[in-house]
Amino acid sequence: MTKNIQQKTDKIIQLAATSTKVNKPVEDTSAQRLSNDSLSMSIRNKKEADLFLAALNAVIKIARHK
């Protein structure tokens, strides 16, 4: 490897080694909304999610046959 690549690799390894020593508490995000984009905000329940996935799968199926 070139010297520049080796230095960058060593720096990444060093950062990884120091970051694993920090104990961060694990948060339970299972009940939280993980995204605030317009799609996730417009799908409010399981029924709407199922309808969206059915429509998406239909579009994908049609696109594959073209």
Protein backbone atom coordinates (compact mmCIF):
# COMPACT_ATOMS: atom_id res chain seq x y z
CA MET A 1 0.00 0.00 0.00
CA THR A 2 1.06 3.55 -0.49
CA LYS A 3 2.07 5.58 2.51
CA ASN A 4 -1.02 7.82 2.28
CA ILE A 5 -3.44 4.89 2.20
CA GLN A 6 -1.62 3.19 5.07
CA GLN A 7 -1.85 6.37 7.16
CA LYS A 8 -5.56 6.69 6.51
CA THR A 9 -6.11 3.02 7.35
CA ASP A 10 -4.16 3.40 10.60
CA LYS A 11 -6.18 6.49 11.52
CA ILE A 12 -9.47 4.66 10.92
CA ILE A 13 -8.32 1.71 13.01
CA GLN A 14 -7.27 4.07 15.78
CA LEU A 15 -10.62 5.88 15.72
CA ALA A 16 -12.48 2.58 15.78
CA ALA A 17 -10.45 1.38 18.74
CA THR A 18 -11.13 4.53 20.75
CA SER A 19 -14.82 4.70 19.86
CA THR A 20 -15.51 1.16 21.11
CA LYS A 21 -14.32 2.13 24.58
CA VAL A 22 -17.17 4.62 24.98
CA ASN A 23 -20.19 2.98 26.55
CA LYS A 24 -23.33 4.46 25.09
CA PRO A 25 -26.70 3.46 26.50
CA VAL A 26 -28.87 1.50 24.10
CA GLU A 27 -32.19 3.15 23.50
CA ASP A 28 -35.33 1.20 22.75
CA THR A 29 -36.73 2.71 19.55
CA SER A 30 -39.27 0.00 18.82
CA ALA A 31 -42.27 2.18 19.65
CA GLN A 32 -40.84 5.38 18.27
CA ARG A 33 -41.20 6.70 14.75
CA LEU A 34 -37.73 6.39 13.27
CA SER A 35 -38.29 8.60 10.26
CA ASN A 36 -39.96 11.92 9.74
CA ASP A 37 -40.26 11.86 5.97
CA SER A 38 -43.58 12.52 4.24
CA LEU A 39 -44.17 8.86 3.37
CA SER A 40 -43.84 7.62 6.93
CA MET A 41 -45.99 10.48 8.17
CA SER A 42 -48.74 9.72 5.65
CA ILE A 43 -48.94 6.01 6.50
CA ARG A 44 -50.61 6.07 9.88
CA ASN A 45 -51.55 2.46 10.53
CA LYS A 46 -51.04 -1.14 9.42
CA LYS A 47 -53.97 -1.07 6.99
CA GLU A 48 -52.53 1.90 5.11
CA ALA A 49 -49.08 0.28 5.14
CA ASP A 50 -50.51 -2.94 3.67
CA LEU A 51 -52.32 -0.98 0.94
CA PHE A 52 -49.15 0.93 0.10
CA LEU A 53 -47.06 -2.24 -0.08
CA ALA A 54 -49.64 -3.94 -2.30
CA ALA A 55 -49.64 -0.98 -4.69
CA LEU A 56 -45.84 -0.84 -4.66
CA ASN A 57 -45.54 -4.56 -5.39
CA ALA A 58 -48.02 -4.20 -8.27
CA VAL A 59 -46.00 -1.37 -9.80
CA ILE A 60 -42.76 -3.35 -9.44
CA LYS A 61 -44.37 -6.39 -11.05
CA ILE A 62 -45.64 -4.32 -13.99
CA ALA A 63 -42.23 -2.65 -14.42
CA ARG A 64 -40.45 -6.01 -14.54
CA HIS A 65 -42.69 -7.27 -17.35
CA LYS A 66 -41.91 -4.34 -19.62
